[in-house]
Amino acid sequence: MISRRLFNGSLVAGTALASTGLGVKPADALLVGNYDIAKLDGISNKLPLPPIATPAGTDGDVTIFDFKCQYGEVEFLPGLKSVTMGMNAPYLAPILVLEKGKKYRFNFTNDTYEKVAVH
């Protein structure tokens, strides 16, 4: 994990470098993997909506949801696979449909080697 001090220092150094006109050229910034972003106009890769979460069960009047944070792999662009993170899926997390006034419990398991914030 990168420290706040290192991140802020890099941000200041990057901003200073950019203001001098040195460093990354705008055309270089358009290259991602083997793709030239400026030439991707013909590719339409819509991101699908995740599925609606299914409860794992109930405990009296409490509906229980289980979530597992895990790594995955998704091909956002043809032939270019990206390492991703998701909950109960390789990418994103299920959609929660909750009703006002009901009680819920959420169980989370982190199967990654990183700390994860859920929001």
N, C-alpha and C. Protein backbone atom coordinates (compact mmCIF):
# COMPACT_ATOMS: atom_id res chain seq x y z
N MET A 1 0.85 -1.18 0.00
CA MET A 1 0.00 0.00 0.00
C MET A 1 0.89 1.24 0.00
N ILE A 2 0.52 2.23 -0.76
CA ILE A 2 1.29 3.47 -0.86
C ILE A 2 0.90 4.39 0.29
N SER A 3 1.90 5.03 0.88
CA SER A 3 1.60 5.93 1.99
C SER A 3 1.08 7.26 1.46
N ARG A 4 0.37 7.97 2.31
CA ARG A 4 -0.17 9.29 1.93
C ARG A 4 0.98 10.24 1.60
N ARG A 5 2.08 10.17 2.37
CA ARG A 5 3.21 11.06 2.14
C ARG A 5 3.83 10.80 0.76
N LEU A 6 4.01 9.52 0.40
CA LEU A 6 4.57 9.18 -0.91
C LEU A 6 3.62 9.60 -2.03
N PHE A 7 2.32 9.36 -1.84
CA PHE A 7 1.34 9.75 -2.85
C PHE A 7 1.34 11.25 -3.07
N ASN A 8 1.27 12.02 -1.97
CA ASN A 8 1.25 13.48 -2.09
C ASN A 8 2.54 14.00 -2.70
N GLY A 9 3.67 13.41 -2.32
CA GLY A 9 4.95 13.82 -2.89
C GLY A 9 5.01 13.55 -4.38
N SER A 10 4.50 12.39 -4.79
CA SER A 10 4.48 12.05 -6.21
C SER A 10 3.55 12.98 -6.96
N LEU A 11 2.43 13.33 -6.35
CA LEU A 11 1.47 14.23 -6.98
C LEU A 11 2.09 15.61 -7.20
N VAL A 12 2.80 16.11 -6.19
CA VAL A 12 3.45 17.42 -6.31
C VAL A 12 4.54 17.36 -7.37
N ALA A 13 5.34 16.29 -7.35
CA ALA A 13 6.43 16.15 -8.33
C ALA A 13 5.87 16.02 -9.74
N GLY A 14 4.80 15.26 -9.89
CA GLY A 14 4.18 15.09 -11.22
C GLY A 14 3.60 16.38 -11.74
N THR A 15 2.98 17.15 -10.85
CA THR A 15 2.42 18.44 -11.25
C THR A 15 3.53 19.40 -11.65
N ALA A 16 4.61 19.40 -10.89
CA ALA A 16 5.75 20.27 -11.22
C ALA A 16 6.35 19.87 -12.55
N LEU A 17 6.50 18.58 -12.79
CA LEU A 17 7.07 18.10 -14.05
C LEU A 17 6.16 18.45 -15.21
N ALA A 18 4.87 18.29 -15.03
CA ALA A 18 3.92 18.61 -16.11
C ALA A 18 3.95 20.10 -16.44
N SER A 19 4.11 20.93 -15.42
CA SER A 19 4.11 22.37 -15.67
C SER A 19 5.36 22.84 -16.40
N THR A 20 6.43 22.03 -16.40
CA THR A 20 7.65 22.40 -17.11
C THR A 20 7.58 22.02 -18.58
N GLY A 21 6.58 21.21 -18.95
CA GLY A 21 6.49 20.77 -20.34
C GLY A 21 7.28 19.49 -20.58
N LEU A 22 7.95 18.97 -19.56
CA LEU A 22 8.71 17.72 -19.70
C LEU A 22 7.83 16.56 -19.30
N GLY A 23 8.29 15.36 -19.55
CA GLY A 23 7.56 14.18 -19.09
C GLY A 23 6.71 13.56 -20.16
N VAL A 24 5.51 13.13 -19.81
CA VAL A 24 4.64 12.39 -20.72
C VAL A 24 4.03 13.32 -21.75
N LYS A 25 4.15 12.93 -23.01
CA LYS A 25 3.51 13.68 -24.08
C LYS A 25 2.05 13.28 -24.13
N PRO A 26 1.14 14.18 -24.52
CA PRO A 26 -0.27 13.83 -24.58
C PRO A 26 -0.54 12.60 -25.43
N ALA A 27 0.16 12.42 -26.55
CA ALA A 27 -0.07 11.26 -27.42
C ALA A 27 0.29 9.98 -26.70
N ASP A 28 1.36 10.01 -25.86
CA ASP A 28 1.77 8.82 -25.13
C ASP A 28 0.72 8.41 -24.11
N ALA A 29 0.00 9.37 -23.56
CA ALA A 29 -1.00 9.09 -22.54
C ALA A 29 -2.20 8.35 -23.12
N LEU A 30 -2.33 8.35 -24.44
CA LEU A 30 -3.47 7.69 -25.08
C LEU A 30 -3.24 6.20 -25.31
N LEU A 31 -2.04 5.71 -25.00
CA LEU A 31 -1.75 4.31 -25.22
C LEU A 31 -2.06 3.51 -23.97
N VAL A 32 -2.90 2.50 -24.11
CA VAL A 32 -3.25 1.61 -23.00
C VAL A 32 -3.03 0.20 -23.49
N GLY A 33 -2.06 -0.50 -22.89
CA GLY A 33 -1.75 -1.83 -23.39
C GLY A 33 -1.31 -1.73 -24.84
N ASN A 34 -1.92 -2.49 -25.71
CA ASN A 34 -1.62 -2.43 -27.14
C ASN A 34 -2.64 -1.60 -27.89
N TYR A 35 -3.45 -0.84 -27.18
CA TYR A 35 -4.52 -0.06 -27.81
C TYR A 35 -4.18 1.41 -27.84
N ASP A 36 -4.50 2.06 -28.94
CA ASP A 36 -4.41 3.50 -29.05
C ASP A 36 -5.82 4.02 -28.79
N ILE A 37 -6.05 4.64 -27.65
CA ILE A 37 -7.39 5.07 -27.23
C ILE A 37 -8.04 5.95 -28.29
N ALA A 38 -7.24 6.77 -28.99
CA ALA A 38 -7.79 7.66 -30.01
C ALA A 38 -8.41 6.89 -31.16
N LYS A 39 -8.04 5.61 -31.34
CA LYS A 39 -8.55 4.82 -32.46
C LYS A 39 -9.61 3.81 -32.05
N LEU A 40 -10.16 3.92 -30.87
CA LEU A 40 -11.13 2.95 -30.37
C LEU A 40 -12.57 3.37 -30.58
N ASP A 41 -12.81 4.39 -31.37
CA ASP A 41 -14.18 4.89 -31.55
C ASP A 41 -15.15 3.81 -32.02
N GLY A 42 -14.70 2.86 -32.84
CA GLY A 42 -15.60 1.84 -33.38
C GLY A 42 -15.93 0.74 -32.40
N ILE A 43 -15.25 0.67 -31.28
CA ILE A 43 -15.49 -0.41 -30.31
C ILE A 43 -16.52 0.06 -29.29
N SER A 44 -17.57 -0.73 -29.15
CA SER A 44 -18.60 -0.41 -28.17
C SER A 44 -18.67 -1.56 -27.19
N ASN A 45 -18.18 -1.35 -26.00
CA ASN A 45 -18.17 -2.38 -24.97
C ASN A 45 -18.96 -1.87 -23.78
N LYS A 46 -20.26 -2.05 -23.79
CA LYS A 46 -21.09 -1.59 -22.68
C LYS A 46 -20.88 -2.49 -21.48
N LEU A 47 -20.79 -1.88 -20.31
CA LEU A 47 -20.63 -2.65 -19.08
C LEU A 47 -22.00 -3.14 -18.62
N PRO A 48 -22.13 -4.44 -18.41
CA PRO A 48 -23.42 -4.96 -17.96
C PRO A 48 -23.68 -4.60 -16.50
N LEU A 49 -24.95 -4.48 -16.16
CA LEU A 49 -25.32 -4.28 -14.75
C LEU A 49 -25.10 -5.58 -14.00
N PRO A 50 -24.62 -5.50 -12.77
CA PRO A 50 -24.47 -6.71 -11.97
C PRO A 50 -25.84 -7.29 -11.63
N PRO A 51 -25.88 -8.57 -11.23
CA PRO A 51 -27.16 -9.18 -10.85
C PRO A 51 -27.65 -8.62 -9.51
N ILE A 52 -28.92 -8.82 -9.24
CA ILE A 52 -29.49 -8.43 -7.94
C ILE A 52 -29.07 -9.47 -6.90
N ALA A 53 -28.62 -9.02 -5.75
CA ALA A 53 -28.16 -9.91 -4.69
C ALA A 53 -29.29 -10.78 -4.18
N THR A 54 -28.97 -12.04 -3.97
CA THR A 54 -29.92 -12.99 -3.40
C THR A 54 -29.58 -13.21 -1.93
N PRO A 55 -30.53 -13.09 -1.02
CA PRO A 55 -30.23 -13.31 0.39
C PRO A 55 -29.71 -14.73 0.64
N ALA A 56 -28.79 -14.84 1.60
CA ALA A 56 -28.26 -16.15 1.99
C ALA A 56 -29.23 -16.88 2.90
N GLY A 57 -30.12 -16.14 3.53
CA GLY A 57 -31.08 -16.76 4.44
C GLY A 57 -31.68 -15.71 5.37
N THR A 58 -32.33 -16.21 6.41
CA THR A 58 -32.93 -15.31 7.40
C THR A 58 -32.61 -15.82 8.80
N ASP A 59 -32.68 -14.93 9.75
CA ASP A 59 -32.55 -15.26 11.17
C ASP A 59 -33.67 -14.51 11.86
N GLY A 60 -34.82 -15.18 12.01
CA GLY A 60 -36.00 -14.50 12.53
C GLY A 60 -36.49 -13.50 11.50
N ASP A 61 -36.53 -12.23 11.90
CA ASP A 61 -36.99 -11.19 10.98
C ASP A 61 -35.83 -10.45 10.30
N VAL A 62 -34.62 -11.02 10.37
CA VAL A 62 -33.43 -10.40 9.77
C VAL A 62 -33.05 -11.15 8.49
N THR A 63 -32.95 -10.41 7.39
CA THR A 63 -32.52 -10.99 6.12
C THR A 63 -31.00 -10.89 6.04
N ILE A 64 -30.34 -12.00 5.69
CA ILE A 64 -28.88 -12.09 5.70
C ILE A 64 -28.33 -12.13 4.27
N PHE A 65 -27.30 -11.34 4.05
CA PHE A 65 -26.58 -11.36 2.78
C PHE A 65 -25.12 -11.71 3.05
N ASP A 66 -24.56 -12.60 2.26
CA ASP A 66 -23.14 -12.96 2.36
C ASP A 66 -22.41 -12.42 1.13
N PHE A 67 -21.28 -11.76 1.37
CA PHE A 67 -20.48 -11.21 0.28
C PHE A 67 -19.04 -11.67 0.42
N LYS A 68 -18.44 -12.06 -0.69
CA LYS A 68 -17.03 -12.46 -0.71
C LYS A 68 -16.30 -11.55 -1.69
N CYS A 69 -15.33 -10.79 -1.18
CA CYS A 69 -14.51 -9.94 -2.03
C CYS A 69 -13.43 -10.82 -2.64
N GLN A 70 -13.29 -10.76 -3.97
CA GLN A 70 -12.39 -11.68 -4.66
C GLN A 70 -11.79 -11.01 -5.90
N TYR A 71 -10.70 -11.58 -6.36
CA TYR A 71 -10.10 -11.12 -7.61
C TYR A 71 -10.78 -11.81 -8.78
N GLY A 72 -10.72 -11.18 -9.92
CA GLY A 72 -11.27 -11.76 -11.13
C GLY A 72 -10.50 -11.26 -12.33
N GLU A 73 -11.03 -11.55 -13.49
CA GLU A 73 -10.43 -11.12 -14.75
C GLU A 73 -11.56 -10.80 -15.72
N VAL A 74 -11.50 -9.62 -16.33
CA VAL A 74 -12.54 -9.19 -17.26
C VAL A 74 -11.88 -8.65 -18.52
N GLU A 75 -12.49 -8.94 -19.66
CA GLU A 75 -12.02 -8.44 -20.95
C GLU A 75 -12.88 -7.23 -21.34
N PHE A 76 -12.43 -6.05 -20.95
CA PHE A 76 -13.17 -4.82 -21.26
C PHE A 76 -13.03 -4.46 -22.74
N LEU A 77 -11.84 -4.71 -23.28
CA LEU A 77 -11.56 -4.47 -24.69
C LEU A 77 -11.17 -5.81 -25.31
N PRO A 78 -11.52 -6.06 -26.57
CA PRO A 78 -11.22 -7.34 -27.20
C PRO A 78 -9.74 -7.70 -27.10
N GLY A 79 -9.46 -8.88 -26.54
CA GLY A 79 -8.10 -9.38 -26.44
C GLY A 79 -7.27 -8.79 -25.32
N LEU A 80 -7.84 -7.90 -24.51
CA LEU A 80 -7.10 -7.26 -23.43
C LEU A 80 -7.79 -7.57 -22.11
N LYS A 81 -7.24 -8.53 -21.37
CA LYS A 81 -7.84 -8.92 -20.09
C LYS A 81 -7.26 -8.05 -18.98
N SER A 82 -8.12 -7.66 -18.06
CA SER A 82 -7.73 -6.84 -16.92
C SER A 82 -8.01 -7.59 -15.63
N VAL A 83 -7.09 -7.48 -14.67
CA VAL A 83 -7.32 -8.04 -13.34
C VAL A 83 -8.31 -7.12 -12.65
N THR A 84 -9.33 -7.70 -12.06
CA THR A 84 -10.39 -6.92 -11.43
C THR A 84 -10.64 -7.41 -10.02
N MET A 85 -11.51 -6.72 -9.33
CA MET A 85 -11.95 -7.12 -8.00
C MET A 85 -13.46 -6.96 -7.94
N GLY A 86 -14.12 -7.90 -7.31
CA GLY A 86 -15.56 -7.82 -7.18
C GLY A 86 -16.03 -8.54 -5.93
N MET A 87 -17.31 -8.49 -5.72
CA MET A 87 -17.93 -9.22 -4.61
C MET A 87 -18.91 -10.22 -5.19
N ASN A 88 -18.65 -11.48 -4.91
CA ASN A 88 -19.45 -12.60 -5.41
C ASN A 88 -19.40 -12.68 -6.93
N ALA A 89 -18.45 -12.00 -7.55
CA ALA A 89 -18.30 -11.98 -9.00
C ALA A 89 -16.91 -11.44 -9.32
N PRO A 90 -16.45 -11.63 -10.56
CA PRO A 90 -15.13 -11.12 -10.91
C PRO A 90 -15.04 -9.59 -10.92
N TYR A 91 -16.18 -8.91 -11.09
CA TYR A 91 -16.15 -7.46 -11.23
C TYR A 91 -17.41 -6.87 -10.63
N LEU A 92 -17.26 -5.76 -9.95
CA LEU A 92 -18.34 -5.06 -9.27
C LEU A 92 -18.94 -5.92 -8.15
N ALA A 93 -20.13 -5.56 -7.73
CA ALA A 93 -20.83 -6.28 -6.66
C ALA A 93 -22.30 -6.34 -7.04
N PRO A 94 -23.03 -7.29 -6.46
CA PRO A 94 -24.46 -7.38 -6.78
C PRO A 94 -25.21 -6.11 -6.35
N ILE A 95 -26.32 -5.88 -7.00
CA ILE A 95 -27.19 -4.76 -6.65
C ILE A 95 -28.03 -5.17 -5.45
N LEU A 96 -28.09 -4.30 -4.45
CA LEU A 96 -28.91 -4.57 -3.26
C LEU A 96 -30.27 -3.91 -3.41
N VAL A 97 -31.31 -4.68 -3.22
CA VAL A 97 -32.67 -4.15 -3.20
C VAL A 97 -33.17 -4.34 -1.77
N LEU A 98 -33.32 -3.22 -1.07
CA LEU A 98 -33.70 -3.25 0.34
C LEU A 98 -35.00 -2.49 0.54
N GLU A 99 -35.78 -2.95 1.53
CA GLU A 99 -37.06 -2.31 1.83
C GLU A 99 -36.95 -1.52 3.13
N LYS A 100 -37.52 -0.33 3.11
CA LYS A 100 -37.52 0.53 4.28
C LYS A 100 -38.21 -0.18 5.46
N GLY A 101 -37.57 -0.10 6.63
CA GLY A 101 -38.15 -0.64 7.85
C GLY A 101 -37.78 -2.10 8.13
N LYS A 102 -37.21 -2.80 7.17
CA LYS A 102 -36.80 -4.20 7.39
C LYS A 102 -35.39 -4.23 7.96
N LYS A 103 -35.05 -5.38 8.59
CA LYS A 103 -33.73 -5.56 9.20
C LYS A 103 -32.87 -6.44 8.31
N TYR A 104 -31.57 -6.08 8.22
CA TYR A 104 -30.64 -6.80 7.38
C TYR A 104 -29.33 -7.03 8.12
N ARG A 105 -28.65 -8.11 7.76
CA ARG A 105 -27.29 -8.37 8.25
C ARG A 105 -26.43 -8.69 7.03
N PHE A 106 -25.25 -8.08 6.99
CA PHE A 106 -24.33 -8.29 5.87
C PHE A 106 -23.05 -8.92 6.40
N ASN A 107 -22.71 -10.08 5.87
CA ASN A 107 -21.48 -10.78 6.22
C ASN A 107 -20.48 -10.61 5.07
N PHE A 108 -19.27 -10.17 5.41
CA PHE A 108 -18.25 -9.95 4.39
C PHE A 108 -17.04 -10.84 4.66
N THR A 109 -16.55 -11.48 3.60
CA THR A 109 -15.31 -12.25 3.64
C THR A 109 -14.37 -11.65 2.61
N ASN A 110 -13.15 -11.36 3.02
CA ASN A 110 -12.17 -10.79 2.11
C ASN A 110 -11.21 -11.88 1.68
N ASP A 111 -11.33 -12.35 0.44
CA ASP A 111 -10.43 -13.37 -0.10
C ASP A 111 -9.30 -12.76 -0.92
N THR A 112 -8.98 -11.49 -0.67
CA THR A 112 -7.87 -10.85 -1.35
C THR A 112 -6.75 -10.62 -0.34
N TYR A 113 -5.62 -10.18 -0.81
CA TYR A 113 -4.51 -9.89 0.09
C TYR A 113 -4.46 -8.39 0.43
N GLU A 114 -5.51 -7.65 0.05
CA GLU A 114 -5.56 -6.21 0.29
C GLU A 114 -6.67 -5.87 1.28
N LYS A 115 -6.54 -4.72 1.92
CA LYS A 115 -7.63 -4.20 2.73
C LYS A 115 -8.69 -3.69 1.77
N VAL A 116 -9.95 -3.86 2.12
CA VAL A 116 -11.04 -3.48 1.22
C VAL A 116 -12.02 -2.60 1.98
N ALA A 117 -12.43 -1.50 1.34
CA ALA A 117 -13.45 -0.62 1.89
C ALA A 117 -14.74 -0.86 1.10
N VAL A 118 -15.83 -1.03 1.80
CA VAL A 118 -17.12 -1.24 1.16
C VAL A 118 -17.93 0.04 1.33
N HIS A 119 -18.49 0.50 0.23
CA HIS A 119 -19.28 1.74 0.30
C HIS A 119 -20.43 1.66 -0.68
